[in-house]
PDB file of N, CA and C in Angstrom:
ATOM      1  N   MET A   1     138.533 181.000  -2.874  1.00  0.00           N
ATOM      2  CA  MET A   1     137.198 180.425  -2.867  1.00  0.00           C
ATOM      3  C   MET A   1     137.323 178.915  -3.015  1.00  0.00           C
ATOM      4  N   ILE A   2     136.412 178.205  -2.350  1.00  0.00           N
ATOM      5  CA  ILE A   2     136.462 176.756  -2.343  1.00  0.00           C
ATOM      6  C   ILE A   2     135.045 176.193  -2.444  1.00  0.00           C
ATOM      7  N   ASP A   3     134.844 175.286  -3.377  1.00  0.00           N
ATOM      8  CA  ASP A   3     133.555 174.605  -3.494  1.00  0.00           C
ATOM      9  C   ASP A   3     133.549 173.479  -2.468  1.00  0.00           C
ATOM     10  N   ILE A   4     133.096 173.802  -1.293  1.00  0.00           N
ATOM     11  CA  ILE A   4     133.222 172.913  -0.144  1.00  0.00           C
ATOM     12  C   ILE A   4     132.434 171.608  -0.329  1.00  0.00           C
ATOM     13  N   LEU A   5     131.246 171.675  -0.912  1.00  0.00           N
ATOM     14  CA  LEU A   5     130.446 170.459  -1.100  1.00  0.00           C
ATOM     15  C   LEU A   5     131.056 169.554  -2.172  1.00  0.00           C
ATOM     16  N   LYS A   6     131.590 170.160  -3.207  1.00  0.00           N
ATOM     17  CA  LYS A   6     132.261 169.379  -4.254  1.00  0.00           C
ATOM     18  C   LYS A   6     133.466 168.646  -3.672  1.00  0.00           C
ATOM     19  N   LYS A   7     134.225 169.330  -2.834  1.00  0.00           N
ATOM     20  CA  LYS A   7     135.405 168.703  -2.219  1.00  0.00           C
ATOM     21  C   LYS A   7     135.005 167.527  -1.328  1.00  0.00           C
ATOM     22  N   ILE A   8     133.890 167.666  -0.606  1.00  0.00           N
ATOM     23  CA  ILE A   8     133.392 166.551   0.205  1.00  0.00           C
ATOM     24  C   ILE A   8     133.000 165.394  -0.704  1.00  0.00           C
ATOM     25  N   ASN A   9     132.238 165.700  -1.749  1.00  0.00           N
ATOM     26  CA  ASN A   9     131.768 164.656  -2.660  1.00  0.00           C
ATOM     27  C   ASN A   9     132.913 163.941  -3.381  1.00  0.00           C
ATOM     28  N   MET A  10     133.997 164.643  -3.609  1.00  0.00           N
ATOM     29  CA  MET A  10     135.150 164.041  -4.283  1.00  0.00           C
ATOM     30  C   MET A  10     136.081 163.329  -3.297  1.00  0.00           C
ATOM     31  N   GLY A  11     135.768 163.421  -2.013  1.00  0.00           N
ATOM     32  CA  GLY A  11     136.593 162.774  -1.005  1.00  0.00           C
ATOM     33  C   GLY A  11     137.897 163.499  -0.724  1.00  0.00           C
ATOM     34  N   LYS A  12     137.964 164.772  -1.123  1.00  0.00           N
ATOM     35  CA  LYS A  12     139.187 165.550  -0.911  1.00  0.00           C
ATOM     36  C   LYS A  12     139.274 166.140   0.483  1.00  0.00           C
ATOM     37  N   ILE A  13     138.123 166.309   1.134  1.00  0.00           N
ATOM     38  CA  ILE A  13     138.103 166.778   2.520  1.00  0.00           C
ATOM     39  C   ILE A  13     137.040 165.988   3.281  1.00  0.00           C
ATOM     40  N   THR A  14     137.228 165.914   4.590  1.00  0.00           N
ATOM     41  CA  THR A  14     136.232 165.292   5.457  1.00  0.00           C
ATOM     42  C   THR A  14     135.231 166.346   5.901  1.00  0.00           C
ATOM     43  N   GLU A  15     134.161 165.891   6.525  1.00  0.00           N
ATOM     44  CA  GLU A  15     133.191 166.839   7.050  1.00  0.00           C
ATOM     45  C   GLU A  15     133.827 167.697   8.139  1.00  0.00           C
ATOM     46  N   GLU A  16     134.653 167.098   8.950  1.00  0.00           N
ATOM     47  CA  GLU A  16     135.343 167.856  10.000  1.00  0.00           C
ATOM     48  C   GLU A  16     136.205 168.956   9.382  1.00  0.00           C
ATOM     49  N   GLN A  17     136.920 168.639   8.320  1.00  0.00           N
ATOM     50  CA  GLN A  17     137.734 169.650   7.643  1.00  0.00           C
ATOM     51  C   GLN A  17     136.850 170.739   7.032  1.00  0.00           C
ATOM     52  N   ALA A  18     135.671 170.348   6.540  1.00  0.00           N
ATOM     53  CA  ALA A  18     134.743 171.326   5.966  1.00  0.00           C
ATOM     54  C   ALA A  18     134.316 172.343   7.019  1.00  0.00           C
ATOM     55  N   TYR A  19     134.054 171.871   8.232  1.00  0.00           N
ATOM     56  CA  TYR A  19     133.680 172.794   9.300  1.00  0.00           C
ATOM     57  C   TYR A  19     134.844 173.696   9.686  1.00  0.00           C
ATOM     58  N   GLU A  20     136.043 173.177   9.654  1.00  0.00           N
ATOM     59  CA  GLU A  20     137.227 174.002   9.932  1.00  0.00           C
ATOM     60  C   GLU A  20     137.382 175.084   8.864  1.00  0.00           C
ATOM     61  N   ILE A  21     137.168 174.710   7.611  1.00  0.00           N
ATOM     62  CA  ILE A  21     137.236 175.676   6.508  1.00  0.00           C
ATOM     63  C   ILE A  21     136.153 176.738   6.676  1.00  0.00           C
ATOM     64  N   TYR A  22     134.942 176.291   6.973  1.00  0.00           N
ATOM     65  CA  TYR A  22     133.844 177.242   7.188  1.00  0.00           C
ATOM     66  C   TYR A  22     134.190 178.220   8.313  1.00  0.00           C
ATOM     67  N   ASP A  23     134.661 177.702   9.447  1.00  0.00           N
ATOM     68  CA  ASP A  23     135.011 178.566  10.582  1.00  0.00           C
ATOM     69  C   ASP A  23     136.065 179.587  10.181  1.00  0.00           C
ATOM     70  N   ASP A  24     137.059 179.155   9.411  1.00  0.00           N
ATOM     71  CA  ASP A  24     138.124 180.055   8.964  1.00  0.00           C
ATOM     72  C   ASP A  24     137.559 181.144   8.043  1.00  0.00           C
ATOM     73  N   VAL A  25     136.710 180.752   7.110  1.00  0.00           N
ATOM     74  CA  VAL A  25     136.101 181.711   6.178  1.00  0.00           C
ATOM     75  C   VAL A  25     135.224 182.703   6.952  1.00  0.00           C
ATOM     76  N   GLN A  26     134.420 182.199   7.882  1.00  0.00           N
ATOM     77  CA  GLN A  26     133.543 183.077   8.656  1.00  0.00           C
ATOM     78  C   GLN A  26     134.362 184.065   9.485  1.00  0.00           C
ATOM     79  N   ASP A  27     135.435 183.584  10.107  1.00  0.00           N
ATOM     80  CA  ASP A  27     136.310 184.471  10.888  1.00  0.00           C
ATOM     81  C   ASP A  27     136.939 185.548  10.013  1.00  0.00           C
ATOM     82  N   LYS A  28     137.402 185.150   8.835  1.00  0.00           N
ATOM     83  CA  LYS A  28     138.016 186.117   7.916  1.00  0.00           C
ATOM     84  C   LYS A  28     136.994 187.151   7.441  1.00  0.00           C
ATOM     85  N   PHE A  29     135.767 186.703   7.197  1.00  0.00           N
ATOM     86  CA  PHE A  29     134.719 187.631   6.788  1.00  0.00           C
ATOM     87  C   PHE A  29     134.395 188.603   7.922  1.00  0.00           C
ATOM     88  N   ASP A  30     134.234 188.065   9.117  1.00  0.00           N
ATOM     89  CA  ASP A  30     133.894 188.901  10.277  1.00  0.00           C
ATOM     90  C   ASP A  30     134.976 189.931  10.587  1.00  0.00           C
ATOM     91  N   SER A  31     136.225 189.574  10.325  1.00  0.00           N
ATOM     92  CA  SER A  31     137.326 190.503  10.614  1.00  0.00           C
ATOM     93  C   SER A  31     137.669 191.397   9.424  1.00  0.00           C
ATOM     94  N   GLY A  32     136.929 191.257   8.320  1.00  0.00           N
ATOM     95  CA  GLY A  32     137.141 192.109   7.158  1.00  0.00           C
ATOM     96  C   GLY A  32     138.294 191.689   6.257  1.00  0.00           C
ATOM     97  N   LYS A  33     138.831 190.499   6.467  1.00  0.00           N
ATOM     98  CA  LYS A  33     139.955 190.028   5.651  1.00  0.00           C
ATOM     99  C   LYS A  33     139.515 189.541   4.278  1.00  0.00           C
ATOM    100  N   ILE A  34     138.238 189.170   4.156  1.00  0.00           N
ATOM    101  CA  ILE A  34     137.676 188.834   2.844  1.00  0.00           C
ATOM    102  C   ILE A  34     136.380 189.610   2.673  1.00  0.00           C
ATOM    103  N   LYS A  35     136.064 189.943   1.440  1.00  0.00           N
ATOM    104  CA  LYS A  35     134.873 190.742   1.147  1.00  0.00           C
ATOM    105  C   LYS A  35     133.683 189.874   0.755  1.00  0.00           C
ATOM    106  N   ASN A  36     133.957 188.707   0.151  1.00  0.00           N
ATOM    107  CA  ASN A  36     132.863 187.825  -0.255  1.00  0.00           C
ATOM    108  C   ASN A  36     132.110 187.327   0.957  1.00  0.00           C
ATOM    109  N   TYR A  37     130.791 187.217   0.821  1.00  0.00           N
ATOM    110  CA  TYR A  37     130.013 186.585   1.881  1.00  0.00           C
ATOM    111  C   TYR A  37     130.448 185.127   1.988  1.00  0.00           C
ATOM    112  N   PRO A  38     130.396 184.555   3.191  1.00  0.00           N
ATOM    113  CA  PRO A  38     130.851 183.170   3.360  1.00  0.00           C
ATOM    114  C   PRO A  38     130.197 182.178   2.393  1.00  0.00           C
ATOM    115  N   GLN A  39     128.894 182.319   2.147  1.00  0.00           N
ATOM    116  CA  GLN A  39     128.237 181.389   1.230  1.00  0.00           C
ATOM    117  C   GLN A  39     128.819 181.473  -0.180  1.00  0.00           C
ATOM    118  N   ASN A  40     129.221 182.661  -0.599  1.00  0.00           N
ATOM    119  CA  ASN A  40     129.837 182.812  -1.918  1.00  0.00           C
ATOM    120  C   ASN A  40     131.251 182.258  -1.917  1.00  0.00           C
ATOM    121  N   GLU A  41     131.968 182.481  -0.846  1.00  0.00           N
ATOM    122  CA  GLU A  41     133.338 181.993  -0.714  1.00  0.00           C
ATOM    123  C   GLU A  41     133.371 180.456  -0.733  1.00  0.00           C
ATOM    124  N   LEU A  42     132.291 179.834  -0.265  1.00  0.00           N
ATOM    125  CA  LEU A  42     132.215 178.370  -0.185  1.00  0.00           C
ATOM    126  C   LEU A  42     131.393 177.759  -1.319  1.00  0.00           C
ATOM    127  N   TYR A  43     130.987 178.574  -2.288  1.00  0.00           N
ATOM    128  CA  TYR A  43     130.192 178.136  -3.442  1.00  0.00           C
ATOM    129  C   TYR A  43     128.875 177.483  -3.038  1.00  0.00           C
ATOM    130  N   LEU A  44     128.211 178.023  -2.029  1.00  0.00           N
ATOM    131  CA  LEU A  44     126.903 177.527  -1.631  1.00  0.00           C
ATOM    132  C   LEU A  44     125.834 178.418  -2.242  1.00  0.00           C
ATOM    133  N   ASP A  45     124.844 177.800  -2.909  1.00  0.00           N
ATOM    134  CA  ASP A  45     123.764 178.614  -3.460  1.00  0.00           C
ATOM    135  C   ASP A  45     122.820 179.028  -2.322  1.00  0.00           C
ATOM    136  N   ASN A  46     121.812 179.817  -2.637  1.00  0.00           N
ATOM    137  CA  ASN A  46     120.912 180.327  -1.596  1.00  0.00           C
ATOM    138  C   ASN A  46     120.185 179.215  -0.849  1.00  0.00           C
ATOM    139  N   TYR A  47     119.806 178.147  -1.554  1.00  0.00           N
ATOM    140  CA  TYR A  47     119.094 177.039  -0.919  1.00  0.00           C
ATOM    141  C   TYR A  47     120.034 176.271   0.014  1.00  0.00           C
ATOM    142  N   GLU A  48     121.247 176.022  -0.463  1.00  0.00           N
ATOM    143  CA  GLU A  48     122.237 175.328   0.364  1.00  0.00           C
ATOM    144  C   GLU A  48     122.594 176.156   1.595  1.00  0.00           C
ATOM    145  N   TRP A  49     122.768 177.448   1.409  1.00  0.00           N
ATOM    146  CA  TRP A  49     123.103 178.322   2.532  1.00  0.00           C
ATOM    147  C   TRP A  49     121.960 178.366   3.543  1.00  0.00           C
ATOM    148  N   THR A  50     120.725 178.408   3.052  1.00  0.00           N
ATOM    149  CA  THR A  50     119.572 178.398   3.947  1.00  0.00           C
ATOM    150  C   THR A  50     119.537 177.097   4.742  1.00  0.00           C
ATOM    151  N   ALA A  51     119.730 175.973   4.068  1.00  0.00           N
ATOM    152  CA  ALA A  51     119.738 174.671   4.753  1.00  0.00           C
ATOM    153  C   ALA A  51     120.861 174.626   5.783  1.00  0.00           C
ATOM    154  N   PHE A  52     122.037 175.128   5.414  1.00  0.00           N
ATOM    155  CA  PHE A  52     123.158 175.159   6.351  1.00  0.00           C
ATOM    156  C   PHE A  52     122.817 176.038   7.561  1.00  0.00           C
ATOM    157  N   SER A  53     122.167 177.152   7.315  1.00  0.00           N
ATOM    158  CA  SER A  53     121.775 178.048   8.399  1.00  0.00           C
ATOM    159  C   SER A  53     120.770 177.398   9.342  1.00  0.00           C
ATOM    160  N   PHE A  54     119.974 176.469   8.818  1.00  0.00           N
ATOM    161  CA  PHE A  54     119.024 175.713   9.632  1.00  0.00           C
ATOM    162  C   PHE A  54     119.709 174.567  10.382  1.00  0.00           C
ATOM    163  N   GLY A  55     120.979 174.297  10.056  1.00  0.00           N
ATOM    164  CA  GLY A  55     121.725 173.299  10.817  1.00  0.00           C
ATOM    165  C   GLY A  55     121.999 171.980  10.131  1.00  0.00           C
ATOM    166  N   ILE A  56     121.768 171.892   8.831  1.00  0.00           N
ATOM    167  CA  ILE A  56     122.069 170.641   8.124  1.00  0.00           C
ATOM    168  C   ILE A  56     123.575 170.406   8.140  1.00  0.00           C
ATOM    169  N   SER A  57     123.973 169.164   8.158  1.00  0.00           N
ATOM    170  CA  SER A  57     125.404 168.854   8.129  1.00  0.00           C
ATOM    171  C   SER A  57     125.935 169.035   6.708  1.00  0.00           C
ATOM    172  N   PHE A  58     127.212 169.346   6.620  1.00  0.00           N
ATOM    173  CA  PHE A  58     127.835 169.471   5.298  1.00  0.00           C
ATOM    174  C   PHE A  58     127.753 168.156   4.531  1.00  0.00           C
ATOM    175  N   GLU A  59     127.892 167.050   5.227  1.00  0.00           N
ATOM    176  CA  GLU A  59     127.875 165.743   4.558  1.00  0.00           C
ATOM    177  C   GLU A  59     126.526 165.467   3.899  1.00  0.00           C
ATOM    178  N   VAL A  60     125.449 165.718   4.622  1.00  0.00           N
ATOM    179  CA  VAL A  60     124.109 165.507   4.064  1.00  0.00           C
ATOM    180  C   VAL A  60     123.866 166.482   2.914  1.00  0.00           C
ATOM    181  N   LEU A  61     124.247 167.725   3.098  1.00  0.00           N
ATOM    182  CA  LEU A  61     124.060 168.730   2.052  1.00  0.00           C
ATOM    183  C   LEU A  61     124.854 168.378   0.797  1.00  0.00           C
ATOM    184  N   ALA A  62     126.063 167.888   0.973  1.00  0.00           N
ATOM    185  CA  ALA A  62     126.867 167.456  -0.178  1.00  0.00           C
ATOM    186  C   ALA A  62     126.173 166.312  -0.907  1.00  0.00           C
ATOM    187  N   ASN A  63     125.600 165.400  -0.160  1.00  0.00           N
ATOM    188  CA  ASN A  63     124.872 164.288  -0.765  1.00  0.00           C
ATOM    189  C   ASN A  63     123.659 164.793  -1.548  1.00  0.00           C
ATOM    190  N   TRP A  64     122.946 165.770  -0.995  1.00  0.00           N
ATOM    191  CA  TRP A  64     121.796 166.332  -1.705  1.00  0.00           C
ATOM    192  C   TRP A  64     122.225 167.008  -2.993  1.00  0.00           C
ATOM    193  N   ARG A  65     123.354 167.704  -2.960  1.00  0.00           N
ATOM    194  CA  ARG A  65     123.818 168.340  -4.195  1.00  0.00           C
ATOM    195  C   ARG A  65     124.134 167.280  -5.247  1.00  0.00           C
ATOM    196  N   LYS A  66     124.753 166.230  -4.834  1.00  0.00           N
ATOM    197  CA  LYS A  66     125.169 165.173  -5.760  1.00  0.00           C
ATOM    198  C   LYS A  66     123.986 164.346  -6.272  1.00  0.00           C
ATOM    199  N   ASN A  67     123.057 163.999  -5.381  1.00  0.00           N
ATOM    200  CA  ASN A  67     121.999 163.047  -5.731  1.00  0.00           C
ATOM    201  C   ASN A  67     120.602 163.643  -5.807  1.00  0.00           C
ATOM    202  N   GLY A  68     120.484 164.933  -5.539  1.00  0.00           N
ATOM    203  CA  GLY A  68     119.187 165.596  -5.590  1.00  0.00           C
ATOM    204  C   GLY A  68     118.572 165.769  -4.217  1.00  0.00           C
ATOM    205  N   TRP A  69     117.901 166.871  -4.071  1.00  0.00           N
ATOM    206  CA  TRP A  69     117.232 167.180  -2.811  1.00  0.00           C
ATOM    207  C   TRP A  69     115.996 166.300  -2.655  1.00  0.00           C
ATOM    208  N   PRO A  70     115.590 166.033  -1.413  1.00  0.00           N
ATOM    209  CA  PRO A  70     114.332 165.302  -1.197  1.00  0.00           C
ATOM    210  C   PRO A  70     113.173 166.091  -1.799  1.00  0.00           C
ATOM    211  N   SER A  71     112.150 165.382  -2.202  1.00  0.00           N
ATOM    212  CA  SER A  71     111.002 166.049  -2.820  1.00  0.00           C
ATOM    213  C   SER A  71     109.757 166.000  -1.940  1.00  0.00           C
ATOM    214  N   LYS A  72     109.897 165.417  -0.737  1.00  0.00           N
ATOM    215  CA  LYS A  72     108.759 165.321   0.180  1.00  0.00           C
ATOM    216  C   LYS A  72     109.198 165.682   1.596  1.00  0.00           C
ATOM    217  N   CYS A  73     108.239 166.189   2.354  1.00  0.00           N
ATOM    218  CA  CYS A  73     108.478 166.462   3.766  1.00  0.00           C
ATOM    219  C   CYS A  73     108.767 165.143   4.477  1.00  0.00           C
ATOM    220  N   ALA A  74     109.809 165.134   5.284  1.00  0.00           N
ATOM    221  CA  ALA A  74     110.199 163.918   5.995  1.00  0.00           C
ATOM    222  C   ALA A  74     109.200 163.535   7.087  1.00  0.00           C
ATOM    223  N   ILE A  75     108.292 164.436   7.450  1.00  0.00           N
ATOM    224  CA  ILE A  75     107.316 164.141   8.502  1.00  0.00           C
ATOM    225  C   ILE A  75     105.955 163.769   7.916  1.00  0.00           C
ATOM    226  N   CYS A  76     105.385 164.647   7.103  1.00  0.00           N
ATOM    227  CA  CYS A  76     104.010 164.425   6.620  1.00  0.00           C
ATOM    228  C   CYS A  76     103.935 163.886   5.194  1.00  0.00           C
ATOM    229  N   GLY A  77     105.029 163.916   4.461  1.00  0.00           N
ATOM    230  CA  GLY A  77     105.035 163.389   3.094  1.00  0.00           C
ATOM    231  C   GLY A  77     104.552 164.371   2.040  1.00  0.00           C
ATOM    232  N   LYS A  78     104.241 165.606   2.436  1.00  0.00           N
ATOM    233  CA  LYS A  78     103.787 166.625   1.480  1.00  0.00           C
ATOM    234  C   LYS A  78     104.883 166.863   0.439  1.00  0.00           C
ATOM    235  N   ILE A  79     104.472 167.015  -0.806  1.00  0.00           N
ATOM    236  CA  ILE A  79     105.404 167.306  -1.890  1.00  0.00           C
ATOM    237  C   ILE A  79     106.033 168.675  -1.642  1.00  0.00           C
ATOM    238  N   LEU A  80     107.351 168.731  -1.748  1.00  0.00           N
ATOM    239  CA  LEU A  80     108.094 169.979  -1.559  1.00  0.00           C
ATOM    240  C   LEU A  80     108.997 170.225  -2.753  1.00  0.00           C
ATOM    241  N   ASN A  81     109.074 171.460  -3.139  1.00  0.00           N
ATOM    242  CA  ASN A  81     110.067 171.888  -4.116  1.00  0.00           C
ATOM    243  C   ASN A  81     110.985 172.851  -3.373  1.00  0.00           C
ATOM    244  N   TYR A  82     112.180 172.407  -3.085  1.00  0.00           N
ATOM    245  CA  TYR A  82     113.082 173.225  -2.268  1.00  0.00           C
ATOM    246  C   TYR A  82     113.311 174.608  -2.860  1.00  0.00           C
ATOM    247  N   ARG A  83     113.164 174.740  -4.160  1.00  0.00           N
ATOM    248  CA  ARG A  83     113.374 176.038  -4.806  1.00  0.00           C
ATOM    249  C   ARG A  83     112.242 177.021  -4.517  1.00  0.00           C
ATOM    250  N   GLN A  84     111.163 176.529  -3.938  1.00  0.00           N
ATOM    251  CA  GLN A  84     110.044 177.411  -3.580  1.00  0.00           C
ATOM    252  C   GLN A  84     110.013 177.701  -2.083  1.00  0.00           C
ATOM    253  N   TYR A  85     111.051 177.278  -1.394  1.00  0.00           N
ATOM    254  CA  TYR A  85     111.153 177.451   0.054  1.00  0.00           C
ATOM    255  C   TYR A  85     109.930 176.837   0.732  1.00  0.00           C
ATOM    256  N   GLY A  86     109.493 177.377   1.858  1.00  0.00           N
ATOM    257  CA  GLY A  86     108.396 176.761   2.600  1.00  0.00           C
ATOM    258  C   GLY A  86     108.851 175.512   3.350  1.00  0.00           C
ATOM    259  N   TRP A  87     110.146 175.445   3.649  1.00  0.00           N
ATOM    260  CA  TRP A  87     110.709 174.286   4.328  1.00  0.00           C
ATOM    261  C   TRP A  87     111.712 174.733   5.374  1.00  0.00           C
ATOM    262  N   ARG A  88     112.126 173.798   6.188  1.00  0.00           N
ATOM    263  CA  ARG A  88     113.193 173.982   7.153  1.00  0.00           C
ATOM    264  C   ARG A  88     113.927 172.655   7.274  1.00  0.00           C
ATOM    265  N   ILE A  89     114.981 172.649   8.032  1.00  0.00           N
ATOM    266  CA  ILE A  89     115.748 171.436   8.263  1.00  0.00           C
ATOM    267  C   ILE A  89     115.512 171.002   9.704  1.00  0.00           C
ATOM    268  N   GLN A  90     115.219 169.732   9.878  1.00  0.00           N
ATOM    269  CA  GLN A  90     115.059 169.163  11.214  1.00  0.00           C
ATOM    270  C   GLN A  90     115.788 167.825  11.228  1.00  0.00           C
ATOM    271  N   GLU A  91     116.787 167.717  12.079  1.00  0.00           N
ATOM    272  CA  GLU A  91     117.584 166.494  12.192  1.00  0.00           C
ATOM    273  C   GLU A  91     118.090 166.018  10.825  1.00  0.00           C
ATOM    274  N   ASN A  92     118.652 166.960  10.067  1.00  0.00           N
ATOM    275  CA  ASN A  92     119.231 166.690   8.750  1.00  0.00           C
ATOM    276  C   ASN A  92     118.202 166.212   7.717  1.00  0.00           C
ATOM    277  N   LYS A  93     116.943 166.559   7.922  1.00  0.00           N
ATOM    278  CA  LYS A  93     115.900 166.179   6.986  1.00  0.00           C
ATOM    279  C   LYS A  93     115.128 167.403   6.553  1.00  0.00           C
ATOM    280  N   LEU A  94     114.619 167.372   5.314  1.00  0.00           N
ATOM    281  CA  LEU A  94     113.802 168.451   4.779  1.00  0.00           C
ATOM    282  C   LEU A  94     112.379 168.289   5.304  1.00  0.00           C
ATOM    283  N   VAL A  95     111.864 169.343   5.929  1.00  0.00           N
ATOM    284  CA  VAL A  95     110.557 169.299   6.571  1.00  0.00           C
ATOM    285  C   VAL A  95     109.779 170.544   6.170  1.00  0.00           C
ATOM    286  N   CYS A  96     108.489 170.383   5.863  1.00  0.00           N
ATOM    287  CA  CYS A  96     107.672 171.554   5.513  1.00  0.00           C
ATOM    288  C   CYS A  96     107.478 172.417   6.755  1.00  0.00           C
ATOM    289  N   ILE A  97     107.223 173.674   6.545  1.00  0.00           N
ATOM    290  CA  ILE A  97     107.136 174.615   7.676  1.00  0.00           C
ATOM    291  C   ILE A  97     105.873 174.407   8.503  1.00  0.00           C
ATOM    292  N   LYS A  98     104.908 173.652   7.998  1.00  0.00           N
ATOM    293  CA  LYS A  98     103.662 173.435   8.749  1.00  0.00           C
ATOM    294  C   LYS A  98     103.779 172.300   9.756  1.00  0.00           C
ATOM    295  N   CYS A  99     104.753 171.444   9.605  1.00  0.00           N
ATOM    296  CA  CYS A  99     104.917 170.330  10.542  1.00  0.00           C
ATOM    297  C   CYS A  99     105.558 170.814  11.831  1.00  0.00           C
ATOM    298  N   GLU A 100     105.091 170.273  12.929  1.00  0.00           N
ATOM    299  CA  GLU A 100     105.623 170.629  14.238  1.00  0.00           C
ATOM    300  C   GLU A 100     107.018 170.065  14.420  1.00  0.00           C
ATOM    301  N   LYS A 101     107.771 170.698  15.300  1.00  0.00           N
ATOM    302  CA  LYS A 101     109.122 170.220  15.606  1.00  0.00           C
ATOM    303  C   LYS A 101     109.084 168.966  16.436  1.00  0.00           C
TER     304      LYS A 101
END
């Protein structure tokens, strides 16, 4: 298991290496070589995994873990609490689900 965002934040791996690690973990999971779900293997919580599934970059996500998630929609400015969901990722930004793409 590897805390992928922590490693990025500590400068131990690059974003490119993080994607290589993710691909390797996903392949191992798909082939049954590991039992842990990829998000658990990479120490991603449910919010981080959801953001990653929406397409956020590892680098931006690592920054959010280190410095805090945005608290407003990047489009309309509505207050958001990422822990309450009701958001998506658009161009590496937190956006409420009511805003158009």
